PDB file of all heavy atoms in Angstrom:
ATOM      1  N   LEU A   1     217.948-185.588  65.473  1.00  0.00           N
ATOM      2  CA  LEU A   1     218.627-185.270  64.251  1.00  0.00           C
ATOM      3  C   LEU A   1     218.074-185.881  63.040  1.00  0.00           C
ATOM      4  O   LEU A   1     217.793-185.252  62.004  1.00  0.00           O
ATOM      5  CB  LEU A   1     220.112-185.625  64.361  1.00  0.00           C
ATOM      6  CG  LEU A   1     220.991-185.202  63.222  1.00  0.00           C
ATOM      7  CD1 LEU A   1     221.033-183.698  63.020  1.00  0.00           C
ATOM      8  CD2 LEU A   1     222.427-185.652  63.343  1.00  0.00           C
ATOM      9  N   ARG A   2     217.677-187.161  63.200  1.00  0.00           N
ATOM     10  CA  ARG A   2     217.022-187.890  62.094  1.00  0.00           C
ATOM     11  C   ARG A   2     215.642-187.236  61.749  1.00  0.00           C
ATOM     12  O   ARG A   2     215.348-187.128  60.616  1.00  0.00           O
ATOM     13  CB  ARG A   2     216.808-189.367  62.476  1.00  0.00           C
ATOM     14  CG  ARG A   2     216.066-190.143  61.391  1.00  0.00           C
ATOM     15  CD  ARG A   2     215.741-191.535  61.843  1.00  0.00           C
ATOM     16  NE  ARG A   2     214.855-192.232  60.932  1.00  0.00           N
ATOM     17  CZ  ARG A   2     214.206-193.308  61.200  1.00  0.00           C
ATOM     18  NH1 ARG A   2     214.432-193.899  62.336  1.00  0.00           N
ATOM     19  NH2 ARG A   2     213.431-193.831  60.301  1.00  0.00           N
ATOM     20  N   THR A   3     214.895-186.806  62.790  1.00  0.00           N
ATOM     21  CA  THR A   3     213.655-186.146  62.529  1.00  0.00           C
ATOM     22  C   THR A   3     213.852-184.829  61.829  1.00  0.00           C
ATOM     23  O   THR A   3     213.134-184.555  60.777  1.00  0.00           O
ATOM     24  CB  THR A   3     212.914-185.941  63.871  1.00  0.00           C
ATOM     25  OG1 THR A   3     212.604-187.168  64.480  1.00  0.00           O
ATOM     26  CG2 THR A   3     211.653-185.066  63.666  1.00  0.00           C
ATOM     27  N   LEU A   4     214.781-184.034  62.182  1.00  0.00           N
ATOM     28  CA  LEU A   4     215.002-182.732  61.621  1.00  0.00           C
ATOM     29  C   LEU A   4     215.496-182.824  60.157  1.00  0.00           C
ATOM     30  O   LEU A   4     215.055-182.088  59.309  1.00  0.00           O
ATOM     31  CB  LEU A   4     215.993-181.918  62.468  1.00  0.00           C
ATOM     32  CG  LEU A   4     215.532-181.499  63.879  1.00  0.00           C
ATOM     33  CD1 LEU A   4     216.654-180.840  64.577  1.00  0.00           C
ATOM     34  CD2 LEU A   4     214.311-180.657  63.815  1.00  0.00           C
ATOM     35  N   VAL A   5     216.448-183.715  59.919  1.00  0.00           N
ATOM     36  CA  VAL A   5     217.053-183.895  58.602  1.00  0.00           C
ATOM     37  C   VAL A   5     216.178-184.698  57.692  1.00  0.00           C
ATOM     38  O   VAL A   5     216.126-184.412  56.539  1.00  0.00           O
ATOM     39  CB  VAL A   5     218.454-184.479  58.714  1.00  0.00           C
ATOM     40  CG1 VAL A   5     219.107-184.755  57.354  1.00  0.00           C
ATOM     41  CG2 VAL A   5     219.377-183.602  59.609  1.00  0.00           C
ATOM     42  N   GLY A   6     215.491-185.714  58.299  1.00  0.00           N
ATOM     43  CA  GLY A   6     214.708-186.625  57.459  1.00  0.00           C
ATOM     44  C   GLY A   6     213.399-186.127  57.038  1.00  0.00           C
ATOM     45  O   GLY A   6     212.763-186.732  56.129  1.00  0.00           O
ATOM     46  N   HIS A   7     212.851-185.057  57.710  1.00  0.00           N
ATOM     47  CA  HIS A   7     211.573-184.611  57.291  1.00  0.00           C
ATOM     48  C   HIS A   7     211.557-183.991  55.834  1.00  0.00           C
ATOM     49  O   HIS A   7     212.552-183.311  55.537  1.00  0.00           O
ATOM     50  CB  HIS A   7     211.103-183.490  58.279  1.00  0.00           C
ATOM     51  CG  HIS A   7     209.616-183.194  58.238  1.00  0.00           C
ATOM     52  ND1 HIS A   7     209.113-182.380  57.200  1.00  0.00           N
ATOM     53  CD2 HIS A   7     208.588-183.515  58.960  1.00  0.00           C
ATOM     54  CE1 HIS A   7     207.808-182.300  57.349  1.00  0.00           C
ATOM     55  NE2 HIS A   7     207.473-182.949  58.377  1.00  0.00           N
ATOM     56  N   PRO A   8     210.666-184.289  55.019  1.00  0.00           N
ATOM     57  CA  PRO A   8     210.625-183.673  53.662  1.00  0.00           C
ATOM     58  C   PRO A   8     210.751-182.218  53.642  1.00  0.00           C
ATOM     59  O   PRO A   8     210.047-181.481  54.458  1.00  0.00           O
ATOM     60  CB  PRO A   8     209.238-184.146  53.114  1.00  0.00           C
ATOM     61  CG  PRO A   8     208.893-185.327  53.955  1.00  0.00           C
ATOM     62  CD  PRO A   8     209.439-185.088  55.297  1.00  0.00           C
ATOM     63  N   ARG A   9     211.555-181.683  52.895  1.00  0.00           N
ATOM     64  CA  ARG A   9     211.852-180.180  52.760  1.00  0.00           C
ATOM     65  C   ARG A   9     210.602-179.460  52.356  1.00  0.00           C
ATOM     66  O   ARG A   9     210.372-178.245  52.796  1.00  0.00           O
ATOM     67  CB  ARG A   9     212.964-179.895  51.778  1.00  0.00           C
ATOM     68  CG  ARG A   9     214.324-180.276  52.210  1.00  0.00           C
ATOM     69  CD  ARG A   9     215.389-180.083  51.068  1.00  0.00           C
ATOM     70  NE  ARG A   9     215.381-178.819  50.549  1.00  0.00           N
ATOM     71  CZ  ARG A   9     216.071-177.776  50.936  1.00  0.00           C
ATOM     72  NH1 ARG A   9     216.874-178.026  52.009  1.00  0.00           N
ATOM     73  NH2 ARG A   9     216.018-176.619  50.409  1.00  0.00           N
ATOM     74  N   ASN A  10     209.751-180.064  51.483  1.00  0.00           N
ATOM     75  CA  ASN A  10     208.595-179.298  50.937  1.00  0.00           C
ATOM     76  C   ASN A  10     207.347-179.597  51.607  1.00  0.00           C
ATOM     77  O   ASN A  10     206.302-179.248  51.111  1.00  0.00           O
ATOM     78  CB  ASN A  10     208.549-179.659  49.457  1.00  0.00           C
ATOM     79  CG  ASN A  10     208.480-181.117  49.136  1.00  0.00           C
ATOM     80  OD1 ASN A  10     208.238-181.973  50.166  1.00  0.00           O
ATOM     81  ND2 ASN A  10     208.684-181.559  47.940  1.00  0.00           N
ATOM     82  N   ARG A  11     207.368-180.198  52.764  1.00  0.00           N
ATOM     83  CA  ARG A  11     206.148-180.539  53.509  1.00  0.00           C
ATOM     84  C   ARG A  11     206.305-180.147  54.941  1.00  0.00           C
ATOM     85  O   ARG A  11     207.316-180.173  55.505  1.00  0.00           O
ATOM     86  CB  ARG A  11     205.859-182.077  53.402  1.00  0.00           C
ATOM     87  CG  ARG A  11     204.642-182.555  54.100  1.00  0.00           C
ATOM     88  CD  ARG A  11     204.363-184.003  53.829  1.00  0.00           C
ATOM     89  NE  ARG A  11     203.934-184.135  52.405  1.00  0.00           N
ATOM     90  CZ  ARG A  11     202.654-184.048  52.061  1.00  0.00           C
ATOM     91  NH1 ARG A  11     201.701-183.722  52.899  1.00  0.00           N
ATOM     92  NH2 ARG A  11     202.390-184.134  50.769  1.00  0.00           N
ATOM     93  N   HIS A  12     205.184-179.762  55.515  1.00  0.00           N
ATOM     94  CA  HIS A  12     205.202-179.389  56.933  1.00  0.00           C
ATOM     95  C   HIS A  12     204.164-180.207  57.651  1.00  0.00           C
ATOM     96  O   HIS A  12     203.057-180.410  57.184  1.00  0.00           O
ATOM     97  CB  HIS A  12     204.902-177.884  57.170  1.00  0.00           C
ATOM     98  CG  HIS A  12     205.383-177.366  58.447  1.00  0.00           C
ATOM     99  ND1 HIS A  12     206.714-177.080  58.720  1.00  0.00           N
ATOM    100  CD2 HIS A  12     204.742-177.113  59.668  1.00  0.00           C
ATOM    101  CE1 HIS A  12     206.888-176.573  59.885  1.00  0.00           C
ATOM    102  NE2 HIS A  12     205.673-176.627  60.530  1.00  0.00           N
ATOM    103  N   THR A  13     204.430-180.652  58.953  1.00  0.00           N
ATOM    104  CA  THR A  13     203.507-181.465  59.741  1.00  0.00           C
ATOM    105  C   THR A  13     202.990-180.639  60.906  1.00  0.00           C
ATOM    106  O   THR A  13     203.787-179.958  61.562  1.00  0.00           O
ATOM    107  CB  THR A  13     204.239-182.657  60.281  1.00  0.00           C
ATOM    108  OG1 THR A  13     204.642-183.452  59.146  1.00  0.00           O
ATOM    109  CG2 THR A  13     203.328-183.461  61.082  1.00  0.00           C
ATOM    110  N   ILE A  14     201.704-180.621  61.057  1.00  0.00           N
ATOM    111  CA  ILE A  14     201.049-179.989  62.277  1.00  0.00           C
ATOM    112  C   ILE A  14     200.282-181.090  63.003  1.00  0.00           C
ATOM    113  O   ILE A  14     199.410-181.747  62.482  1.00  0.00           O
ATOM    114  CB  ILE A  14     200.064-178.904  61.866  1.00  0.00           C
ATOM    115  CG1 ILE A  14     200.813-177.829  60.934  1.00  0.00           C
ATOM    116  CG2 ILE A  14     199.466-178.186  63.078  1.00  0.00           C
ATOM    117  CD1 ILE A  14     199.873-176.780  60.346  1.00  0.00           C
ATOM    118  N   ALA A  15     200.713-181.254  64.296  1.00  0.00           N
ATOM    119  CA  ALA A  15     200.160-182.342  65.121  1.00  0.00           C
ATOM    120  C   ALA A  15     199.406-181.720  66.295  1.00  0.00           C
ATOM    121  O   ALA A  15     199.961-180.810  66.912  1.00  0.00           O
ATOM    122  CB  ALA A  15     201.230-183.306  65.570  1.00  0.00           C
ATOM    123  N   PHE A  16     198.285-182.326  66.709  1.00  0.00           N
ATOM    124  CA  PHE A  16     197.541-181.780  67.835  1.00  0.00           C
ATOM    125  C   PHE A  16     197.445-182.868  68.933  1.00  0.00           C
ATOM    126  O   PHE A  16     197.395-184.105  68.721  1.00  0.00           O
ATOM    127  CB  PHE A  16     196.100-181.466  67.368  1.00  0.00           C
ATOM    128  CG  PHE A  16     196.036-180.386  66.318  1.00  0.00           C
ATOM    129  CD1 PHE A  16     195.974-180.747  64.942  1.00  0.00           C
ATOM    130  CD2 PHE A  16     196.104-179.025  66.650  1.00  0.00           C
ATOM    131  CE1 PHE A  16     195.916-179.742  64.018  1.00  0.00           C
ATOM    132  CE2 PHE A  16     196.064-177.987  65.722  1.00  0.00           C
ATOM    133  CZ  PHE A  16     195.929-178.416  64.411  1.00  0.00           C
ATOM    134  N   LEU A  17     197.442-182.377  70.208  1.00  0.00           N
ATOM    135  CA  LEU A  17     197.142-183.172  71.378  1.00  0.00           C
ATOM    136  C   LEU A  17     196.098-182.358  72.172  1.00  0.00           C
ATOM    137  O   LEU A  17     196.471-181.349  72.683  1.00  0.00           O
ATOM    138  CB  LEU A  17     198.372-183.417  72.184  1.00  0.00           C
ATOM    139  CG  LEU A  17     198.180-184.212  73.410  1.00  0.00           C
ATOM    140  CD1 LEU A  17     197.699-185.688  73.074  1.00  0.00           C
ATOM    141  CD2 LEU A  17     199.475-184.259  74.291  1.00  0.00           C
ATOM    142  N   VAL A  18     194.890-182.874  72.182  1.00  0.00           N
ATOM    143  CA  VAL A  18     193.765-182.185  72.844  1.00  0.00           C
ATOM    144  C   VAL A  18     193.741-182.634  74.341  1.00  0.00           C
ATOM    145  O   VAL A  18     193.557-183.780  74.649  1.00  0.00           O
ATOM    146  CB  VAL A  18     192.440-182.453  72.157  1.00  0.00           C
ATOM    147  CG1 VAL A  18     191.271-181.783  72.925  1.00  0.00           C
ATOM    148  CG2 VAL A  18     192.487-182.056  70.688  1.00  0.00           C
ATOM    149  N   LEU A  19     193.981-181.627  75.224  1.00  0.00           N
ATOM    150  CA  LEU A  19     193.939-181.893  76.650  1.00  0.00           C
ATOM    151  C   LEU A  19     192.690-181.307  77.235  1.00  0.00           C
ATOM    152  O   LEU A  19     191.973-180.546  76.598  1.00  0.00           O
ATOM    153  CB  LEU A  19     195.203-181.246  77.296  1.00  0.00           C
ATOM    154  CG  LEU A  19     196.519-181.741  76.713  1.00  0.00           C
ATOM    155  CD1 LEU A  19     197.720-180.877  77.287  1.00  0.00           C
ATOM    156  CD2 LEU A  19     196.778-183.156  77.012  1.00  0.00           C
ATOM    157  N   PRO A  20     192.315-181.626  78.502  1.00  0.00           N
ATOM    158  CA  PRO A  20     191.126-181.148  79.013  1.00  0.00           C
ATOM    159  C   PRO A  20     190.953-179.594  79.067  1.00  0.00           C
ATOM    160  O   PRO A  20     189.876-179.042  78.852  1.00  0.00           O
ATOM    161  CB  PRO A  20     191.102-181.664  80.481  1.00  0.00           C
ATOM    162  CG  PRO A  20     191.892-182.891  80.377  1.00  0.00           C
ATOM    163  CD  PRO A  20     192.949-182.625  79.403  1.00  0.00           C
ATOM    164  N   ASP A  21     192.119-178.891  79.309  1.00  0.00           N
ATOM    165  CA  ASP A  21     192.035-177.459  79.492  1.00  0.00           C
ATOM    166  C   ASP A  21     192.782-176.701  78.397  1.00  0.00           C
ATOM    167  O   ASP A  21     192.840-175.456  78.465  1.00  0.00           O
ATOM    168  CB  ASP A  21     192.517-176.971  80.832  1.00  0.00           C
ATOM    169  CG  ASP A  21     193.982-177.465  81.093  1.00  0.00           C
ATOM    170  OD1 ASP A  21     194.429-178.333  80.323  1.00  0.00           O
ATOM    171  OD2 ASP A  21     194.661-176.941  81.931  1.00  0.00           O
ATOM    172  N   ARG A  22     193.293-177.410  77.390  1.00  0.00           N
ATOM    173  CA  ARG A  22     194.142-176.680  76.298  1.00  0.00           C
ATOM    174  C   ARG A  22     194.422-177.621  75.240  1.00  0.00           C
ATOM    175  O   ARG A  22     194.128-178.836  75.330  1.00  0.00           O
ATOM    176  CB  ARG A  22     195.440-176.121  76.960  1.00  0.00           C
ATOM    177  CG  ARG A  22     196.474-177.227  77.247  1.00  0.00           C
ATOM    178  CD  ARG A  22     197.502-176.722  78.232  1.00  0.00           C
ATOM    179  NE  ARG A  22     196.982-176.325  79.476  1.00  0.00           N
ATOM    180  CZ  ARG A  22     197.571-175.806  80.487  1.00  0.00           C
ATOM    181  NH1 ARG A  22     198.897-175.424  80.310  1.00  0.00           N
ATOM    182  NH2 ARG A  22     197.053-175.593  81.689  1.00  0.00           N
ATOM    183  N   VAL A  23     194.900-177.093  74.132  1.00  0.00           N
ATOM    184  CA  VAL A  23     195.295-177.914  72.957  1.00  0.00           C
ATOM    185  C   VAL A  23     196.800-177.661  72.721  1.00  0.00           C
ATOM    186  O   VAL A  23     197.243-176.513  72.445  1.00  0.00           O
ATOM    187  CB  VAL A  23     194.459-177.575  71.708  1.00  0.00           C
ATOM    188  CG1 VAL A  23     194.934-178.392  70.552  1.00  0.00           C
ATOM    189  CG2 VAL A  23     192.984-177.765  71.952  1.00  0.00           C
ATOM    190  N   PHE A  24     197.560-178.744  72.666  1.00  0.00           N
ATOM    191  CA  PHE A  24     198.964-178.658  72.387  1.00  0.00           C
ATOM    192  C   PHE A  24     199.143-178.807  70.898  1.00  0.00           C
ATOM    193  O   PHE A  24     198.585-179.706  70.310  1.00  0.00           O
ATOM    194  CB  PHE A  24     199.701-179.728  73.179  1.00  0.00           C
ATOM    195  CG  PHE A  24     201.175-179.802  72.962  1.00  0.00           C
ATOM    196  CD1 PHE A  24     202.047-179.055  73.580  1.00  0.00           C
ATOM    197  CD2 PHE A  24     201.713-180.705  71.942  1.00  0.00           C
ATOM    198  CE1 PHE A  24     203.389-179.005  73.451  1.00  0.00           C
ATOM    199  CE2 PHE A  24     203.107-180.716  71.718  1.00  0.00           C
ATOM    200  CZ  PHE A  24     203.945-179.906  72.497  1.00  0.00           C
ATOM    201  N   VAL A  25     199.837-177.927  70.307  1.00  0.00           N
ATOM    202  CA  VAL A  25     200.084-177.963  68.815  1.00  0.00           C
ATOM    203  C   VAL A  25     201.568-178.073  68.532  1.00  0.00           C
ATOM    204  O   VAL A  25     202.431-177.182  68.929  1.00  0.00           O
ATOM    205  CB  VAL A  25     199.539-176.591  68.127  1.00  0.00           C
ATOM    206  CG1 VAL A  25     199.578-176.701  66.650  1.00  0.00           C
ATOM    207  CG2 VAL A  25     198.135-176.363  68.636  1.00  0.00           C
ATOM    208  N   ALA A  26     201.977-179.100  67.770  1.00  0.00           N
ATOM    209  CA  ALA A  26     203.398-179.261  67.377  1.00  0.00           C
ATOM    210  C   ALA A  26     203.519-178.957  65.957  1.00  0.00           C
ATOM    211  O   ALA A  26     202.666-179.270  65.114  1.00  0.00           O
ATOM    212  CB  ALA A  26     203.790-180.748  67.649  1.00  0.00           C
ATOM    213  N   SER A  27     204.621-178.219  65.613  1.00  0.00           N
ATOM    214  CA  SER A  27     204.912-177.770  64.302  1.00  0.00           C
ATOM    215  C   SER A  27     206.279-178.381  63.849  1.00  0.00           C
ATOM    216  O   SER A  27     207.251-178.082  64.473  1.00  0.00           O
ATOM    217  CB  SER A  27     204.956-176.232  64.246  1.00  0.00           C
ATOM    218  OG  SER A  27     205.411-175.835  62.918  1.00  0.00           O
ATOM    219  N   ILE A  28     206.241-179.225  62.812  1.00  0.00           N
ATOM    220  CA  ILE A  28     207.408-180.054  62.475  1.00  0.00           C
ATOM    221  C   ILE A  28     207.731-179.850  61.033  1.00  0.00           C
ATOM    222  O   ILE A  28     206.887-180.048  60.160  1.00  0.00           O
ATOM    223  CB  ILE A  28     207.220-181.569  62.787  1.00  0.00           C
ATOM    224  CG1 ILE A  28     206.751-181.717  64.168  1.00  0.00           C
ATOM    225  CG2 ILE A  28     208.460-182.324  62.507  1.00  0.00           C
ATOM    226  CD1 ILE A  28     206.086-183.087  64.442  1.00  0.00           C
ATOM    227  N   GLY A  29     208.947-179.502  60.695  1.00  0.00           N
ATOM    228  CA  GLY A  29     209.366-179.310  59.291  1.00  0.00           C
ATOM    229  C   GLY A  29     210.823-179.704  59.150  1.00  0.00           C
ATOM    230  O   GLY A  29     211.494-180.213  60.059  1.00  0.00           O
TER     231      GLY A  29
END
C-alpha cells in the first residue's frame, strides 16, 4: 500500500531484471 500510494503521481518507474533466458520488466506507478 505504501508503494502504491507513495509513488509520485507524475512519474513512472520501469525496472529490469536480466535472466539467462529472458528479461523481467516491472512497471511501477
